[in-house]
Each structure stands twice: as structure tokens, then as C-alpha cells.
Amino acid sequence: MEKRDDAKTLEVLFEISEAVTHTRNLDELYKVIHRSLGKILNVDNLYIALHHEEKDSISFPYYVDEKDEIPDEIFNFSQTASLTGKVIQSKKPLIFFEQDIIDFAKKQNHEIIGTASKIWLGAPFIIKNRVIGVIAIQNFISSTAYEPKDLDLLNTISQHIGLAIERKESEKKLLNQQQVLETILESSPVGICLFENRVFKWVNAEMVTMFGYDSKEAFTGQSSQMVYASKQAYKEAGAIIQKDLTLGGKADFDFELKRRDGTLFKAHIILTGSSPENPLENTIATFADISLREIAQQEKLEKEKLQGVLEMAGAICHEINQPLQVILGYSALFEQPGSIKAKEIKQIKYQATRIGDITKRLSKITRYKTIPYPGDTKIVDIWGSSS
């Protein structure tokens, strides 16, 4: 009989351990614990209480009771006449009968919390010498519903339940942290992705938008060659990445990439690797579209060139206009009959007027434009640059 009980206990312990992996949350885990314990103990009235030492409170995430409703979180817990609190203080399993419960409350000068049961068993969840909670079972009908060996059994199981709860809480915290991290990554204005041997494993939403795809699934499992302009470009980028990651664990460079529709754009790429031995095995990369920045820089350069041309044009206008006026003034003196031929006078005036037209054009330059000039060079196109 005892061997059969031991086998049943081991089965329960195994089920609780497995439940940590197979359940989606703590609520599901508590239900498995309740169902599994039912194989070796009477658990018609069972509750799990978690102790929050920093708040001096206790909460009841799982509560099954024939007499009372689930209590709210109890604060100033150390000052209550609580059997659960007694187990927490003593750090050991305890058994109480109905008269014990009444006497305990009187001694504490407090009302009994809930309905006094005929028999009550409680065992602590102890993690690293700290009590994080209690599991309790009780019976409202018979004081002989449990035996001392049942308290020992409950205590044995409680150690595994405490570990299971801690693991599940840690899993929940990790999941919350991952969700927060993913939210941050998804809201990033730059593309972020995870590679394994230059194969996409995960991308954020900005990567989908930046490269013009419909979903993240378009990247998952695909070679990173899909974002390069050609196979040769893919090889060239790979050589840069391999070299920089091997030398410093980080690659930081600009490169031309390809969108889904085939259009090209300039991107700033940063990669970090986690394995010095095989830097491409696992890498995190960020992609920033800098094509607009390059356009802005080009526009700035054009404006600077235009400003230089305007300043030059202004200086030329100023310098040419003065001798031009002198030429026009002196040419008037030759209009006397016989001093110079009329054809020559006309030519002087024509050339002076032509210079005037040029200075007017220079003063109206609005853009920077050049034309080829002998000697494999270029000059400012005055006529094409002025409005």
C-alpha cells in the first residue's frame, strides 16, 4: 500500500513539474495543481496564498471553499489572526483543529477570518529560506478527515509547488520584458532584424515598410541577399561584415540596398555579432534609410555652389558696368562726322550693349548649371542658369 502511495505521489510531482512548461499562465498552473493533488488528498477546500512581504499583505490567486467567498488581498497581514500567517512565521507545516482556531483568534484579540473548519492543514512555499506563500486544505465536516501523515505529504508537495510557481512567475516576468522590448523595437524609426548566418530570423515593422514588403513573413527564413542590388553586391557587403565583425565585433558602413520593387536606396547599416569564432552565426542589425539625407546634402551643396556663383556674378557685374559706361560715353564723341566710320561706331555700341546684356543675365542667376568647355572642363552656363 505504501509503495502504491509513493508511486502516486511521484506521479503528482511529475504532473506539477510538467505543468510549468505546458500551461500558458499561472491560472492554468493552479488548476493543474488542484487536479493533481486530488489524486492523493481530499482537496474539496483548498487555497493557495501568496505572501507579499514588502506590502505586508497576502493575496489568494486560487481559492476553492465550500463556506466562504474568495477574500480580497489582506493588508497589515502581520497584525491579523491568520493561520496562514502562523505558517509563514514558523516556516513549517502546521495543523489546526476547530478549537485551536478559536483559541488562536482570542489570543490575538481578533475575529476569526472566515468560517472555522473542523481541521485545517497548511504548508509553506519556501524558496531560498524565504516563505513566498502557503497552500492550505481544510474540512468543515470532520476533524478526522486528515491525518498527520497527510500534513507531511502536503509539505512534501508544497516544496515542488513553490518552485513551480516561482518558475511560472519568472516566465511571466520574462514574457512581459520581451513584450516591452518588442514594443520598443517595433516603434523604432530604423529597421531592426536578427540574422543567423545571414538568414533573416526576425524583423521589426520598419523593415517591412522600408523595403516595401507586405509582412514580416516575407523575410523569415530568407537569405539577406534579397535586400542587395545584386549577387556581387551581396558578396561585397559580406566581405565588409565578416572583416569588421572579426576585428571588432561590429560592422558600421553605408551600402546601396534594394526594395521589393527593385528601386535602390542608400542605407546606413550597423551589425553586432555574439560569436567571435563565427561572427555571422548570430547577428543583430539595424538599417537606416539615408537616401533623403544624401538628397538634402546634395541640395545643400548645390545651394552653396549657387551662392558662390551669385557672389561671383555680382562682383563681375559691378566691375564690368563701370568700364562699360565709360565705353558708351566715349563712343558718343566719335559720332562727329569724319572722326570714325558709322559702321565702326555701331559695332562699338553693339559690343558694349552685349556686355550689358551679359551683366543683366548674371544678376538674374537662379540655379547652378554648367556647359562643356574646350580643354575637358566646364563653365557656368550663364544663359541656362538665369531666369
Protein backbone atom coordinates (compact mmCIF):
# COMPACT_ATOMS: atom_id res chain seq x y z
CA MET A 1 0.00 0.00 0.00
CA GLU A 2 2.77 2.42 0.92
CA LYS A 3 4.65 1.75 -2.33
CA ARG A 4 1.48 2.47 -4.29
CA ASP A 5 1.09 5.79 -2.42
CA ASP A 6 4.71 6.69 -3.17
CA ALA A 7 4.17 5.98 -6.85
CA LYS A 8 1.06 8.17 -6.83
CA THR A 9 2.97 10.97 -5.11
CA LEU A 10 5.73 10.79 -7.72
CA GLU A 11 3.11 10.96 -10.44
CA VAL A 12 1.66 14.12 -8.88
CA LEU A 13 5.10 15.71 -8.56
CA PHE A 14 5.82 14.91 -12.20
CA GLU A 15 2.50 16.39 -13.34
CA ILE A 16 3.14 19.62 -11.45
CA SER A 17 6.66 19.93 -12.88
CA GLU A 18 5.40 19.28 -16.42
CA ALA A 19 2.59 21.79 -15.98
CA VAL A 20 5.10 24.63 -15.69
CA THR A 21 6.03 24.07 -19.32
CA HIS A 22 2.64 23.15 -20.73
CA THR A 23 0.41 25.78 -19.09
CA ARG A 24 0.05 29.24 -20.56
CA ASN A 25 -0.25 31.15 -17.28
CA LEU A 26 -0.45 30.88 -13.51
CA ASP A 27 -4.22 30.36 -13.51
CA GLU A 28 -3.84 27.24 -15.61
CA LEU A 29 -0.98 26.04 -13.43
CA TYR A 30 -3.09 26.40 -10.25
CA LYS A 31 -5.86 24.30 -11.81
CA VAL A 32 -3.40 21.53 -12.67
CA ILE A 33 -2.03 21.62 -9.11
CA HIS A 34 -5.55 21.33 -7.70
CA ARG A 35 -6.47 18.46 -10.02
CA SER A 36 -3.21 16.57 -9.40
CA LEU A 37 -3.40 16.93 -5.61
CA GLY A 38 -6.89 15.45 -5.78
CA LYS A 39 -5.28 12.12 -6.64
CA ILE A 40 -3.64 11.81 -3.19
CA LEU A 41 -5.55 14.18 -0.85
CA ASN A 42 -9.04 15.49 -0.21
CA VAL A 43 -8.87 18.93 -1.80
CA ASP A 44 -12.56 19.93 -1.81
CA ASN A 45 -11.49 23.02 0.15
CA LEU A 46 -8.10 24.28 -0.98
CA TYR A 47 -6.46 27.62 -1.41
CA ILE A 48 -3.10 28.96 -2.46
CA ALA A 49 -1.99 32.17 -0.73
CA LEU A 50 0.97 34.31 -1.81
CA HIS A 51 2.82 36.44 0.70
CA HIS A 52 3.97 39.95 -0.26
CA GLU A 53 6.39 40.83 2.50
CA GLU A 54 7.21 44.32 1.21
CA LYS A 55 3.49 45.27 1.31
CA ASP A 56 2.74 43.24 4.46
CA SER A 57 -0.13 41.63 2.59
CA ILE A 58 -1.35 38.30 1.31
CA SER A 59 -3.39 37.51 -1.79
CA PHE A 60 -5.34 34.44 -2.89
CA PRO A 61 -4.79 33.70 -6.60
CA TYR A 62 -6.51 30.31 -6.23
CA TYR A 63 -9.34 29.70 -3.76
CA VAL A 64 -11.87 26.85 -3.57
CA ASP A 65 -14.08 26.89 -0.46
CA GLU A 66 -17.50 25.43 0.37
CA LYS A 67 -18.26 28.05 3.03
CA ASP A 68 -16.60 31.36 2.20
CA GLU A 69 -16.04 33.59 -0.83
CA ILE A 70 -12.52 34.33 -2.00
CA PRO A 71 -11.16 37.11 0.26
CA ASP A 72 -9.67 40.32 -1.06
CA GLU A 73 -5.96 40.97 -0.68
CA ILE A 74 -5.36 41.38 3.07
CA PHE A 75 -3.06 44.23 4.12
CA ASN A 76 -1.39 44.73 7.53
CA PHE A 77 -1.28 40.97 7.38
CA SER A 78 1.17 40.57 10.27
CA GLN A 79 -1.48 42.02 12.62
CA THR A 80 -4.26 39.54 11.70
CA ALA A 81 -5.29 36.30 13.43
CA SER A 82 -4.39 34.23 10.39
CA LEU A 83 -3.49 30.55 10.32
CA THR A 84 -1.71 31.25 7.05
CA GLY A 85 0.34 33.93 8.80
CA LYS A 86 1.25 31.46 11.53
CA VAL A 87 2.62 29.03 8.94
CA ILE A 88 4.59 31.86 7.31
CA GLN A 89 6.08 32.97 10.64
CA SER A 90 7.01 29.47 11.73
CA LYS A 91 8.27 28.43 8.28
CA LYS A 92 6.91 24.92 8.81
CA PRO A 93 3.70 22.95 8.15
CA LEU A 94 1.01 23.26 10.82
CA ILE A 95 -2.28 21.54 11.65
CA PHE A 96 -5.16 23.23 13.49
CA PHE A 97 -8.42 21.84 14.80
CA GLU A 98 -11.56 23.91 15.33
CA GLN A 99 -10.85 24.75 18.99
CA ASP A 100 -7.24 25.64 18.13
CA ILE A 101 -8.54 28.13 15.58
CA ILE A 102 -10.94 29.73 18.10
CA ASP A 103 -8.26 29.93 20.80
CA PHE A 104 -5.72 31.40 18.40
CA ALA A 105 -8.11 34.19 17.40
CA LYS A 106 -8.94 35.01 21.05
CA LYS A 107 -5.27 35.14 21.93
CA GLN A 108 -4.71 37.64 19.13
CA ASN A 109 -7.79 39.67 20.12
CA HIS A 110 -9.12 39.37 16.57
CA GLU A 111 -12.13 37.88 14.86
CA ILE A 112 -11.68 34.57 13.06
CA ILE A 113 -11.07 35.11 9.36
CA GLY A 114 -13.75 33.17 7.52
CA THR A 115 -15.54 30.08 8.85
CA ALA A 116 -13.74 27.95 11.42
CA SER A 117 -13.14 24.49 9.93
CA LYS A 118 -13.05 21.18 11.83
CA ILE A 119 -9.47 20.63 10.68
CA TRP A 120 -7.01 22.83 8.76
CA LEU A 121 -3.63 21.91 7.24
CA GLY A 122 -1.15 24.42 5.85
CA ALA A 123 2.34 24.04 4.35
CA PRO A 124 4.71 26.85 3.34
CA PHE A 125 6.29 27.56 -0.05
CA ILE A 126 9.92 28.09 0.90
CA ILE A 127 12.33 29.47 -1.73
CA LYS A 128 15.90 30.18 -0.60
CA ASN A 129 14.83 30.25 3.05
CA ARG A 130 12.09 32.77 2.27
CA VAL A 131 8.39 31.93 2.54
CA ILE A 132 6.61 33.16 -0.59
CA GLY A 133 3.24 31.66 0.27
CA VAL A 134 1.17 28.82 1.69
CA ILE A 135 -1.01 26.00 0.42
CA ALA A 136 -3.86 25.04 2.74
CA ILE A 137 -6.57 22.38 2.77
CA GLN A 138 -9.43 22.10 5.26
CA ASN A 139 -12.61 20.21 6.09
CA PHE A 140 -15.76 21.71 7.60
CA ILE A 141 -17.42 18.37 8.48
CA SER A 142 -14.99 16.03 10.26
CA SER A 143 -11.90 16.59 12.37
CA THR A 144 -10.65 13.18 11.28
CA ALA A 145 -10.73 13.99 7.58
CA TYR A 146 -6.91 14.29 7.63
CA GLU A 147 -4.09 12.56 9.47
CA PRO A 148 -0.61 13.78 10.48
CA LYS A 149 0.87 11.88 7.53
CA ASP A 150 -1.32 13.99 5.22
CA LEU A 151 0.39 17.10 6.62
CA ASP A 152 3.79 15.57 5.81
CA LEU A 153 2.59 14.73 2.31
CA LEU A 154 1.23 18.24 1.78
CA ASN A 155 4.54 19.68 2.96
CA THR A 156 6.48 17.49 0.52
CA ILE A 157 4.30 18.56 -2.37
CA SER A 158 4.37 22.22 -1.29
CA GLN A 159 8.12 22.47 -1.94
CA HIS A 160 7.57 21.48 -5.57
CA ILE A 161 4.52 23.73 -5.90
CA GLY A 162 6.54 26.69 -4.60
CA LEU A 163 9.27 26.05 -7.18
CA ALA A 164 6.69 25.62 -9.93
CA ILE A 165 5.01 28.93 -9.03
CA GLU A 166 8.34 30.75 -8.92
CA ARG A 167 9.33 29.37 -12.31
CA LYS A 168 5.98 30.36 -13.80
CA GLU A 169 6.20 33.87 -12.31
CA SER A 170 9.72 34.22 -13.69
CA GLU A 171 8.44 33.05 -17.06
CA LYS A 172 5.67 35.65 -16.88
CA LYS A 173 8.13 38.43 -15.98
CA LEU A 174 10.41 37.37 -18.82
CA LEU A 175 7.46 37.34 -21.22
CA ASN A 176 6.45 40.83 -20.05
CA GLN A 177 10.02 42.03 -20.55
CA GLN A 178 10.06 40.51 -24.03
CA GLN A 179 6.77 42.22 -24.84
CA VAL A 180 8.13 45.57 -23.63
CA LEU A 181 11.31 45.04 -25.64
CA GLU A 182 9.35 44.07 -28.74
CA THR A 183 7.17 47.17 -28.33
CA ILE A 184 10.31 49.31 -28.21
CA LEU A 185 11.78 47.56 -31.25
CA GLU A 186 8.51 47.85 -33.17
CA SER A 187 8.28 51.59 -32.51
CA SER A 188 11.86 52.19 -33.62
CA PRO A 189 12.24 54.55 -36.62
CA VAL A 190 15.02 52.30 -38.03
CA GLY A 191 14.82 48.76 -39.33
CA ILE A 192 15.99 46.11 -36.85
CA CYS A 193 16.46 42.41 -37.53
CA LEU A 194 18.05 39.22 -36.25
CA PHE A 195 20.22 37.11 -38.56
CA GLU A 196 21.56 33.58 -38.28
CA ASN A 197 24.30 33.00 -40.86
CA ARG A 198 22.90 35.87 -42.95
CA VAL A 199 19.38 34.40 -42.92
CA PHE A 200 16.51 36.53 -41.55
CA LYS A 201 15.06 35.15 -38.29
CA TRP A 202 13.11 38.21 -37.10
CA VAL A 203 12.44 41.73 -38.36
CA ASN A 204 10.54 44.68 -36.94
CA ALA A 205 7.72 46.55 -38.70
CA GLU A 206 10.04 49.28 -40.02
CA MET A 207 11.98 46.67 -42.03
CA VAL A 208 8.74 45.68 -43.77
CA THR A 209 7.93 49.31 -44.56
CA MET A 210 11.46 50.30 -45.56
CA PHE A 211 11.83 47.51 -48.11
CA GLY A 212 8.24 47.68 -49.37
CA TYR A 213 7.03 44.21 -48.35
CA ASP A 214 3.58 43.21 -47.07
CA SER A 215 4.51 41.31 -43.89
CA LYS A 216 7.33 40.09 -41.68
CA GLU A 217 6.83 36.58 -43.05
CA ALA A 218 8.31 37.77 -46.34
CA PHE A 219 11.68 37.99 -44.57
CA THR A 220 11.58 35.00 -42.20
CA GLY A 221 13.89 32.21 -43.36
CA GLN A 222 15.11 34.17 -46.39
CA SER A 223 18.73 34.96 -47.26
CA SER A 224 19.78 38.57 -46.71
CA GLN A 225 20.74 38.58 -50.39
CA MET A 226 17.12 39.63 -51.04
CA VAL A 227 17.89 43.22 -49.96
CA TYR A 228 21.02 43.69 -52.07
CA ALA A 229 21.12 45.04 -55.61
CA SER A 230 22.97 42.01 -56.99
CA LYS A 231 24.81 38.83 -56.05
CA GLN A 232 28.08 40.73 -56.38
CA ALA A 233 26.84 43.46 -54.02
CA TYR A 234 25.82 40.75 -51.54
CA LYS A 235 29.35 39.30 -51.65
CA GLU A 236 30.97 42.72 -51.24
CA ALA A 237 28.82 43.57 -48.22
CA GLY A 238 29.51 40.12 -46.76
CA ALA A 239 33.26 40.68 -47.01
CA ILE A 240 32.94 44.02 -45.17
CA ILE A 241 30.76 42.47 -42.46
CA GLN A 242 32.99 39.43 -41.99
CA LYS A 243 36.12 41.56 -41.68
CA ASP A 244 34.68 44.18 -39.32
CA LEU A 245 32.88 41.69 -37.06
CA THR A 246 36.00 39.56 -36.79
CA LEU A 247 38.23 42.52 -35.93
CA GLY A 248 35.95 44.50 -33.63
CA GLY A 249 32.65 42.68 -33.18
CA LYS A 250 30.83 45.46 -35.03
CA ALA A 251 30.30 46.46 -38.67
CA ASP A 252 29.26 50.04 -39.42
CA PHE A 253 29.03 51.12 -43.07
CA ASP A 254 26.90 52.66 -45.84
CA PHE A 255 25.67 50.48 -48.70
CA GLU A 256 23.18 50.55 -51.56
CA LEU A 257 20.19 48.26 -50.96
CA LYS A 258 17.19 47.13 -53.00
CA ARG A 259 13.49 47.46 -52.25
CA ARG A 260 10.90 44.89 -53.27
CA ASP A 261 10.01 46.91 -56.39
CA GLY A 262 13.65 46.92 -57.48
CA THR A 263 14.38 50.57 -56.67
CA LEU A 264 17.69 51.22 -54.94
CA PHE A 265 18.42 53.40 -51.93
CA LYS A 266 21.41 54.20 -49.75
CA ALA A 267 21.31 52.76 -46.22
CA HIS A 268 23.45 53.02 -43.12
CA ILE A 269 23.98 49.52 -41.70
CA ILE A 270 25.21 48.53 -38.22
CA LEU A 271 25.73 44.88 -37.25
CA THR A 272 26.89 43.32 -34.00
CA GLY A 273 27.81 39.68 -33.53
CA SER A 274 27.74 37.43 -30.47
CA SER A 275 30.31 34.83 -31.55
CA PRO A 276 33.93 35.88 -32.21
CA GLU A 277 34.66 32.43 -33.61
CA ASN A 278 31.80 32.60 -36.11
CA PRO A 279 30.73 36.28 -36.32
CA LEU A 280 27.95 35.63 -38.85
CA GLU A 281 26.34 32.86 -36.81
CA ASN A 282 24.11 35.20 -34.81
CA THR A 283 23.94 38.93 -35.54
CA ILE A 284 21.65 41.85 -34.81
CA ALA A 285 21.45 44.52 -37.49
CA THR A 286 19.93 47.98 -37.89
CA PHE A 287 19.13 49.61 -41.23
CA ALA A 288 18.56 53.35 -41.66
CA ASP A 289 17.44 54.84 -44.98
CA ILE A 290 19.84 57.72 -45.62
CA SER A 291 18.79 58.44 -49.20
CA LEU A 292 16.83 61.53 -48.10
CA ARG A 293 19.83 62.66 -46.11
CA GLU A 294 22.03 62.35 -49.20
CA ILE A 295 19.48 64.31 -51.23
CA ALA A 296 19.48 67.01 -48.56
CA GLN A 297 23.28 67.08 -48.58
CA GLN A 298 23.30 67.35 -52.38
CA GLU A 299 20.78 70.18 -52.24
CA LYS A 300 22.91 71.92 -49.65
CA LEU A 301 25.96 71.54 -51.89
CA GLU A 302 24.03 72.91 -54.86
CA LYS A 303 22.90 75.91 -52.79
CA GLU A 304 26.48 76.56 -51.72
CA LYS A 305 27.60 76.41 -55.36
CA LEU A 306 24.77 78.70 -56.41
CA GLN A 307 25.66 81.15 -53.67
CA GLY A 308 29.23 81.18 -54.95
CA VAL A 309 28.04 81.80 -58.48
CA LEU A 310 25.75 84.63 -57.35
CA GLU A 311 28.55 86.30 -55.44
CA MET A 312 30.85 85.94 -58.43
CA ALA A 313 28.16 87.28 -60.76
CA GLY A 314 27.57 90.27 -58.52
CA ALA A 315 31.26 91.09 -58.47
CA ILE A 316 31.55 90.76 -62.26
CA CYS A 317 28.51 92.98 -62.78
CA HIS A 318 29.98 95.62 -60.55
CA GLU A 319 33.40 95.52 -62.22
CA ILE A 320 32.15 95.40 -65.82
CA ASN A 321 29.45 98.03 -65.51
CA GLN A 322 31.89 100.85 -64.71
CA PRO A 323 34.20 100.49 -67.78
CA LEU A 324 31.10 99.73 -69.83
CA GLN A 325 29.64 103.14 -69.00
CA VAL A 326 32.96 104.78 -69.94
CA ILE A 327 33.00 102.96 -73.29
CA LEU A 328 29.49 104.09 -74.05
CA GLY A 329 30.36 107.67 -73.04
CA TYR A 330 33.45 107.90 -75.19
CA SER A 331 31.80 106.25 -78.15
CA ALA A 332 29.41 109.21 -78.25
CA LEU A 333 32.38 111.55 -79.00
CA PHE A 334 33.08 109.69 -82.24
CA GLU A 335 29.68 110.41 -83.63
CA GLN A 336 31.07 113.69 -85.16
CA PRO A 337 31.22 113.40 -88.98
CA GLY A 338 34.57 112.17 -90.30
CA SER A 339 36.13 111.18 -87.00
CA ILE A 340 35.24 107.47 -87.33
CA LYS A 341 33.10 105.49 -89.64
CA ALA A 342 29.48 104.98 -88.60
CA LYS A 343 29.83 101.20 -89.06
CA GLU A 344 32.64 101.05 -86.52
CA ILE A 345 30.69 103.25 -84.05
CA LYS A 346 27.77 100.90 -84.43
CA GLN A 347 29.99 97.88 -83.70
CA ILE A 348 31.38 99.51 -80.52
CA LYS A 349 27.90 100.22 -79.27
CA TYR A 350 26.76 96.71 -80.16
CA GLN A 351 29.58 95.09 -78.18
CA ALA A 352 29.03 97.42 -75.23
CA THR A 353 25.31 96.59 -75.29
CA ARG A 354 26.16 92.87 -75.45
CA ILE A 355 28.29 93.22 -72.33
CA GLY A 356 25.31 94.94 -70.68
CA ASP A 357 23.07 92.01 -71.57
CA ILE A 358 25.57 89.62 -70.02
CA THR A 359 25.67 91.56 -66.75
CA LYS A 360 21.87 91.56 -66.64
CA ARG A 361 21.89 87.76 -67.07
CA LEU A 362 24.47 87.37 -64.33
CA SER A 363 22.31 89.35 -61.93
CA LYS A 364 19.34 87.02 -62.59
CA ILE A 365 21.03 83.65 -61.99
CA THR A 366 18.67 81.35 -60.01
CA ARG A 367 20.28 77.92 -60.37
CA TYR A 368 23.63 76.28 -60.90
CA LYS A 369 24.15 74.88 -64.39
CA THR A 370 27.31 74.19 -66.37
CA ILE A 371 28.21 73.53 -70.01
CA PRO A 372 31.22 71.77 -71.55
CA TYR A 373 34.17 73.98 -72.41
CA PRO A 374 37.29 73.27 -74.54
CA GLY A 375 40.09 71.69 -72.55
CA ASP A 376 37.98 68.95 -70.88
CA THR A 377 36.45 71.35 -68.37
CA LYS A 378 33.11 73.03 -67.63
CA ILE A 379 31.99 76.62 -67.15
CA VAL A 380 28.86 78.22 -65.70
CA ASP A 381 26.05 78.34 -68.27
CA ILE A 382 25.01 81.99 -67.82
CA TRP A 383 22.06 81.76 -70.23
CA GLY A 384 20.79 78.45 -68.85
CA SER A 385 21.23 79.39 -65.19
CA SER A 386 19.36 82.72 -65.35
CA SER A 387 15.59 83.13 -65.35
